[in-house]
Amino acid sequence: MSKIASTFSRLVRFIPRSNPAKILIGEPVDPQVDVGLAVYQGKNVSVRPFTGTSVLNPGQKTETTEIIERILSPLAQSEVGSIRCIGLNYVSHAAEMKLTIPDVPTLFLKPSTALADPWPAPTVLPKITQVDNTGDYESEMVIVIGRDAKDVSEAEALDYVLGYTAANDVSSRTSQMNQSQWSFSKGFDTSCPIGPVLVSSSLIPDASKLHIRGLKNGRVMQDCPLTDLIFSVPQLVSFLSQGTTLPAGTIILTGTPPGVGAAKNPKEFLTAGDEFAVELLPHIGTLITKIEHQE
């Protein structure tokens, strides 16, 4: 566990109601509140701000309180660098796609410009995706690296993990199937909303105990325990760090469970007006994203 992880339980990066020009980080006063869902429902969520300006250096918790006006992604674009993403990392998802379970993790990258905030910020499907309306959702757990990692072993990998959050790896399926590399089809602007909170690895010593669901307009599309992961968190961190520095702030999307729109019969994709929720429990809560079309 990263040393910083021991200084907080759950951190939210947000714009406070008292000063819409300011960005703060802090810990929800209610340790049980689902921050993403509560803000979506219009409830007041009280937060105790920290003295720092980044989850990578949060500082100390203060005794003041603020109300969330808007949730931001736990890390800023300038902090995440290239976004590492793992494809085909659930046994049951490999089965639904009729693909062989990989021997080593499959890696692709998203640019930092793909990062997006939770609701009400939108994910905007680009014109190339709208041609045949094949925008798809992928509910995912995210690993956040807390200090520079290179050539780490599986045994020491968790020492570099700051915490966990949720993501939606929004994809353009036709573009993906037309290419052997996936960065283009999954890397468009706003295709990687993350949040709503960063949960310390001290609260989640074993990420395989989490459970993930994906809900489209309130209907459950994905529902899977993380015991179904092919490659565990220690395996992924160790593998990705071989010969490659993972700077502090690196986020790693760990793959999606079964139930993606492209695998359904009939297929079911995203379009303007849809809302998609990634629910990752316990602790992390619900990442809600609204879908818009690029004009």
Protein backbone atom coordinates (compact mmCIF):
# COMPACT_ATOMS: atom_id res chain seq x y z
CA MET A 1 0.00 0.00 0.00
CA SER A 2 1.31 3.45 -0.93
CA LYS A 3 2.21 5.51 2.16
CA ILE A 4 -0.19 8.25 1.04
CA ALA A 5 -3.04 5.72 1.03
CA SER A 6 -2.90 5.49 4.82
CA THR A 7 -3.74 9.21 5.18
CA PHE A 8 -7.31 9.01 3.82
CA SER A 9 -10.25 6.66 3.32
CA ARG A 10 -12.13 8.13 0.36
CA LEU A 11 -11.29 11.31 -1.53
CA VAL A 12 -13.49 13.29 -3.86
CA ARG A 13 -12.24 16.06 -6.13
CA PHE A 14 -14.98 18.64 -6.52
CA ILE A 15 -16.20 22.16 -7.07
CA PRO A 16 -17.73 23.52 -3.85
CA ARG A 17 -21.08 25.27 -3.80
CA SER A 18 -19.55 28.15 -1.83
CA ASN A 19 -17.05 29.03 -4.58
CA PRO A 20 -17.70 27.69 -8.10
CA ALA A 21 -14.31 29.01 -9.25
CA LYS A 22 -12.43 26.74 -6.85
CA ILE A 23 -11.39 23.06 -7.01
CA LEU A 24 -11.00 21.15 -3.74
CA ILE A 25 -10.29 17.62 -2.61
CA GLY A 26 -11.76 16.16 0.53
CA GLU A 27 -13.36 13.28 2.37
CA PRO A 28 -17.14 12.83 2.57
CA VAL A 29 -18.41 13.41 6.11
CA ASP A 30 -20.67 10.36 5.80
CA PRO A 31 -18.34 7.37 5.25
CA GLN A 32 -21.22 5.32 3.76
CA VAL A 33 -22.64 7.81 1.27
CA ASP A 34 -22.58 6.88 -2.43
CA VAL A 35 -21.26 10.26 -3.57
CA GLY A 36 -22.03 9.85 -7.26
CA LEU A 37 -25.60 8.67 -6.71
CA ALA A 38 -26.34 11.23 -4.00
CA VAL A 39 -25.20 14.19 -6.12
CA TYR A 40 -27.15 12.82 -9.09
CA GLN A 41 -30.27 12.68 -6.90
CA GLY A 42 -29.80 16.31 -5.89
CA LYS A 43 -28.82 15.60 -2.29
CA ASN A 44 -26.37 17.74 -0.35
CA VAL A 45 -23.09 15.88 0.17
CA SER A 46 -20.89 17.36 2.90
CA VAL A 47 -17.12 17.04 2.54
CA ARG A 48 -14.21 17.90 4.83
CA PRO A 49 -11.58 19.49 2.56
CA PHE A 50 -7.92 18.50 2.75
CA THR A 51 -5.12 21.05 2.67
CA GLY A 52 -3.57 19.62 -0.50
CA THR A 53 -4.63 20.19 -4.09
CA SER A 54 -4.20 16.67 -5.47
CA VAL A 55 -5.07 13.13 -4.39
CA LEU A 56 -1.39 12.38 -5.03
CA ASN A 57 -0.48 14.82 -2.24
CA PRO A 58 -3.66 15.37 -0.24
CA GLY A 59 -2.17 16.96 2.84
CA GLN A 60 -4.22 16.98 6.04
CA LYS A 61 -7.96 16.88 6.63
CA THR A 62 -9.40 20.16 7.91
CA GLU A 63 -12.33 20.68 10.29
CA THR A 64 -14.30 22.84 7.86
CA THR A 65 -17.07 21.48 5.63
CA GLU A 66 -18.16 22.19 2.07
CA ILE A 67 -21.11 21.04 -0.04
CA ILE A 68 -20.38 19.46 -3.41
CA GLU A 69 -21.67 21.51 -6.33
CA ARG A 70 -20.08 19.27 -8.96
CA ILE A 71 -17.91 16.14 -8.86
CA LEU A 72 -14.71 16.09 -10.89
CA SER A 73 -12.59 13.12 -11.93
CA PRO A 74 -10.34 12.14 -8.98
CA LEU A 75 -7.26 13.10 -11.03
CA ALA A 76 -6.81 15.88 -13.58
CA GLN A 77 -5.74 15.31 -17.18
CA SER A 78 -2.31 16.70 -16.34
CA GLU A 79 -1.82 14.03 -13.64
CA VAL A 80 -2.72 10.79 -15.41
CA GLY A 81 -0.35 10.79 -18.40
CA SER A 82 -1.27 8.07 -20.88
CA ILE A 83 -4.13 5.94 -19.58
CA ARG A 84 -3.29 2.21 -19.47
CA CYS A 85 -6.17 -0.12 -20.33
CA ILE A 86 -6.41 -3.88 -20.17
CA GLY A 87 -8.56 -5.71 -22.69
CA LEU A 88 -10.25 -9.08 -22.20
CA ASN A 89 -9.63 -9.52 -18.47
CA TYR A 90 -12.78 -11.33 -17.30
CA VAL A 91 -13.25 -15.04 -17.88
CA SER A 92 -16.96 -14.67 -18.60
CA HIS A 93 -16.42 -11.72 -20.96
CA ALA A 94 -13.93 -13.76 -22.98
CA ALA A 95 -16.58 -16.48 -23.19
CA GLU A 96 -19.32 -14.13 -24.42
CA MET A 97 -16.97 -12.73 -27.08
CA LYS A 98 -15.95 -16.29 -28.03
CA LEU A 99 -12.28 -15.44 -27.51
CA THR A 100 -9.46 -17.46 -25.99
CA ILE A 101 -8.32 -16.47 -22.50
CA PRO A 102 -5.01 -14.61 -22.96
CA ASP A 103 -1.73 -15.81 -21.50
CA VAL A 104 -0.50 -12.27 -20.87
CA PRO A 105 -2.47 -9.03 -20.38
CA THR A 106 -3.61 -7.21 -23.50
CA LEU A 107 -2.65 -3.53 -23.28
CA PHE A 108 -3.90 -0.48 -25.16
CA LEU A 109 -3.63 3.22 -24.34
CA LYS A 110 -6.01 6.13 -24.16
CA PRO A 111 -4.69 9.70 -24.29
CA SER A 112 -5.20 11.94 -21.28
CA THR A 113 -7.72 13.95 -23.35
CA ALA A 114 -10.07 10.94 -23.05
CA LEU A 115 -10.48 11.64 -19.31
CA ALA A 116 -13.91 12.96 -18.31
CA ASP A 117 -15.73 13.99 -15.15
CA PRO A 118 -18.79 12.23 -13.71
CA TRP A 119 -22.36 13.46 -14.25
CA PRO A 120 -23.43 16.06 -15.22
CA ALA A 121 -20.38 16.21 -17.50
CA PRO A 122 -21.14 14.25 -20.70
CA THR A 123 -19.35 11.65 -22.76
CA VAL A 124 -19.67 12.91 -26.32
CA LEU A 125 -19.88 10.30 -29.07
CA PRO A 126 -17.89 11.57 -32.06
CA LYS A 127 -19.32 11.80 -35.58
CA ILE A 128 -17.41 8.69 -36.67
CA THR A 129 -19.25 6.66 -34.01
CA GLN A 130 -22.62 8.12 -34.99
CA VAL A 131 -22.31 6.89 -38.60
CA ASP A 132 -23.68 3.48 -37.57
CA ASN A 133 -24.45 4.17 -33.89
CA THR A 134 -22.04 1.61 -32.40
CA GLY A 135 -20.95 3.45 -29.27
CA ASP A 136 -20.59 0.92 -26.46
CA TYR A 137 -20.14 0.91 -22.69
CA GLU A 138 -17.63 -1.01 -20.55
CA SER A 139 -17.86 -0.89 -16.75
CA GLU A 140 -14.39 -1.10 -15.21
CA MET A 141 -12.43 -0.90 -11.97
CA VAL A 142 -9.49 1.51 -12.04
CA ILE A 143 -6.15 1.14 -10.27
CA VAL A 144 -4.44 4.43 -9.32
CA ILE A 145 -0.66 4.31 -8.90
CA GLY A 146 0.59 6.34 -5.93
CA ARG A 147 4.35 6.45 -6.58
CA ASP A 148 6.63 5.78 -9.52
CA ALA A 149 6.77 2.06 -10.26
CA LYS A 150 9.26 0.23 -12.46
CA ASP A 151 10.21 -3.46 -12.58
CA VAL A 152 8.17 -4.25 -9.47
CA SER A 153 7.39 -7.83 -8.49
CA GLU A 154 3.89 -9.14 -7.89
CA ALA A 155 4.75 -9.47 -4.20
CA GLU A 156 5.53 -5.75 -3.88
CA ALA A 157 3.03 -4.41 -6.44
CA LEU A 158 0.36 -3.37 -3.94
CA ASP A 159 2.92 -1.11 -2.24
CA TYR A 160 2.55 1.18 -5.27
CA VAL A 161 -1.26 1.28 -5.36
CA LEU A 162 -2.80 4.48 -4.00
CA GLY A 163 -6.38 3.38 -4.44
CA TYR A 164 -9.26 2.47 -6.70
CA THR A 165 -12.09 4.14 -8.59
CA ALA A 166 -14.52 3.29 -11.39
CA ALA A 167 -14.47 4.01 -15.13
CA ASN A 168 -16.52 3.60 -18.27
CA ASP A 169 -14.31 2.59 -21.21
CA VAL A 170 -16.61 3.99 -23.90
CA SER A 171 -15.81 2.46 -27.27
CA SER A 172 -16.60 2.87 -30.96
CA ARG A 173 -17.16 -0.76 -31.96
CA THR A 174 -17.03 -0.52 -35.76
CA SER A 175 -13.74 1.36 -35.59
CA GLN A 176 -12.45 -1.18 -33.09
CA MET A 177 -13.31 -4.16 -35.30
CA ASN A 178 -11.77 -2.45 -38.35
CA GLN A 179 -8.35 -2.21 -36.70
CA SER A 180 -5.92 -4.46 -34.88
CA GLN A 181 -5.01 -1.66 -32.45
CA TRP A 182 -7.69 -0.15 -30.19
CA SER A 183 -6.32 3.25 -29.17
CA PHE A 184 -8.23 5.11 -31.90
CA SER A 185 -11.59 3.44 -31.28
CA LYS A 186 -11.39 3.91 -27.51
CA GLY A 187 -9.39 7.13 -27.27
CA PHE A 188 -11.71 9.90 -28.38
CA ASP A 189 -12.30 12.92 -26.17
CA THR A 190 -14.38 12.19 -23.02
CA SER A 191 -14.33 8.41 -23.65
CA CYS A 192 -12.92 7.72 -20.17
CA PRO A 193 -15.09 9.13 -17.37
CA ILE A 194 -13.75 8.10 -13.95
CA GLY A 195 -14.96 8.52 -10.37
CA PRO A 196 -16.87 9.38 -8.31
CA VAL A 197 -14.30 8.92 -5.51
CA LEU A 198 -10.82 7.54 -5.03
CA VAL A 199 -10.92 4.85 -2.36
CA SER A 200 -7.72 4.20 -0.44
CA SER A 201 -6.10 0.81 -0.86
CA SER A 202 -6.17 0.66 2.95
CA LEU A 203 -9.95 0.20 2.68
CA ILE A 204 -9.65 -2.31 -0.16
CA PRO A 205 -6.77 -4.69 0.64
CA ASP A 206 -8.11 -7.20 -1.91
CA ALA A 207 -9.81 -5.70 -4.97
CA SER A 208 -11.14 -9.10 -6.02
CA LYS A 209 -13.71 -8.74 -3.23
CA LEU A 210 -15.44 -5.90 -5.12
CA HIS A 211 -18.56 -6.32 -7.25
CA ILE A 212 -19.30 -4.34 -10.41
CA ARG A 213 -22.53 -3.56 -12.23
CA GLY A 214 -23.32 -1.52 -15.33
CA LEU A 215 -26.78 0.02 -15.72
CA LYS A 216 -28.10 1.65 -18.88
CA ASN A 217 -30.98 4.00 -18.14
CA GLY A 218 -31.53 2.08 -14.90
CA ARG A 219 -31.50 -1.42 -16.46
CA VAL A 220 -28.78 -3.81 -15.33
CA MET A 221 -26.57 -4.73 -18.31
CA GLN A 222 -23.46 -5.99 -16.49
CA ASP A 223 -23.28 -7.72 -13.11
CA CYS A 224 -20.14 -9.57 -12.01
CA PRO A 225 -17.84 -10.19 -9.03
CA LEU A 226 -14.20 -9.26 -9.51
CA THR A 227 -13.21 -12.80 -8.60
CA ASP A 228 -13.80 -13.35 -12.35
CA LEU A 229 -10.71 -11.29 -13.25
CA ILE A 230 -8.14 -13.20 -15.31
CA PHE A 231 -5.20 -11.04 -14.18
CA SER A 232 -5.22 -9.68 -10.62
CA VAL A 233 -4.18 -6.21 -9.50
CA PRO A 234 -0.68 -7.36 -8.42
CA GLN A 235 -0.22 -9.20 -11.71
CA LEU A 236 -1.26 -6.17 -13.76
CA VAL A 237 0.88 -3.64 -11.88
CA SER A 238 3.90 -5.90 -12.03
CA PHE A 239 3.45 -6.72 -15.73
CA LEU A 240 2.90 -3.12 -16.84
CA SER A 241 5.94 -1.90 -14.89
CA GLN A 242 8.42 -4.24 -16.55
CA GLY A 243 10.94 -2.00 -18.27
CA THR A 244 8.43 0.86 -18.14
CA THR A 245 8.01 3.52 -15.48
CA LEU A 246 4.44 3.96 -14.30
CA PRO A 247 4.54 7.49 -12.87
CA ALA A 248 2.51 8.43 -9.82
CA GLY A 249 -0.97 9.28 -11.08
CA THR A 250 -1.03 6.52 -13.69
CA ILE A 251 -4.49 5.01 -13.97
CA ILE A 252 -5.02 1.44 -15.13
CA LEU A 253 -8.41 0.32 -16.42
CA THR A 254 -8.68 -3.37 -15.60
CA GLY A 255 -11.14 -4.68 -18.19
CA THR A 256 -14.89 -5.15 -18.39
CA PRO A 257 -17.19 -7.99 -17.33
CA PRO A 258 -19.76 -9.64 -19.62
CA GLY A 259 -22.84 -7.83 -20.86
CA VAL A 260 -21.38 -5.26 -23.27
CA GLY A 261 -23.76 -4.01 -25.95
CA ALA A 262 -21.79 -5.57 -28.82
CA ALA A 263 -22.28 -9.06 -27.33
CA LYS A 264 -26.03 -8.81 -26.88
CA ASN A 265 -28.60 -10.22 -29.31
CA PRO A 266 -29.87 -7.90 -30.59
CA LYS A 267 -26.93 -5.57 -30.02
CA GLU A 268 -27.60 -2.62 -27.74
CA PHE A 269 -25.48 0.48 -28.06
CA LEU A 270 -25.31 3.97 -26.57
CA THR A 271 -26.94 7.01 -28.09
CA ALA A 272 -27.65 10.63 -27.20
CA GLY A 273 -29.86 10.92 -24.14
CA ASP A 274 -28.75 7.66 -22.55
CA GLU A 275 -27.35 7.56 -19.03
CA PHE A 276 -24.96 4.83 -18.00
CA ALA A 277 -24.02 4.03 -14.40
CA VAL A 278 -21.00 2.02 -13.28
CA GLU A 279 -21.62 0.76 -9.74
CA LEU A 280 -18.54 -0.56 -7.93
CA LEU A 281 -19.18 -1.73 -4.37
CA PRO A 282 -18.36 -1.51 -1.57
CA HIS A 283 -16.92 1.96 -0.93
CA ILE A 284 -16.48 3.36 -4.46
CA GLY A 285 -20.11 3.94 -5.38
CA THR A 286 -21.73 4.94 -8.65
CA LEU A 287 -20.15 6.68 -11.64
CA ILE A 288 -22.95 8.15 -13.76
CA THR A 289 -22.36 9.41 -17.29
CA LYS A 290 -24.79 11.02 -19.70
CA ILE A 291 -24.29 10.47 -23.42
CA GLU A 292 -24.38 13.23 -26.00
CA HIS A 293 -23.65 13.39 -29.73
CA GLN A 294 -20.97 15.60 -31.23
CA GLU A 295 -22.70 18.22 -33.34
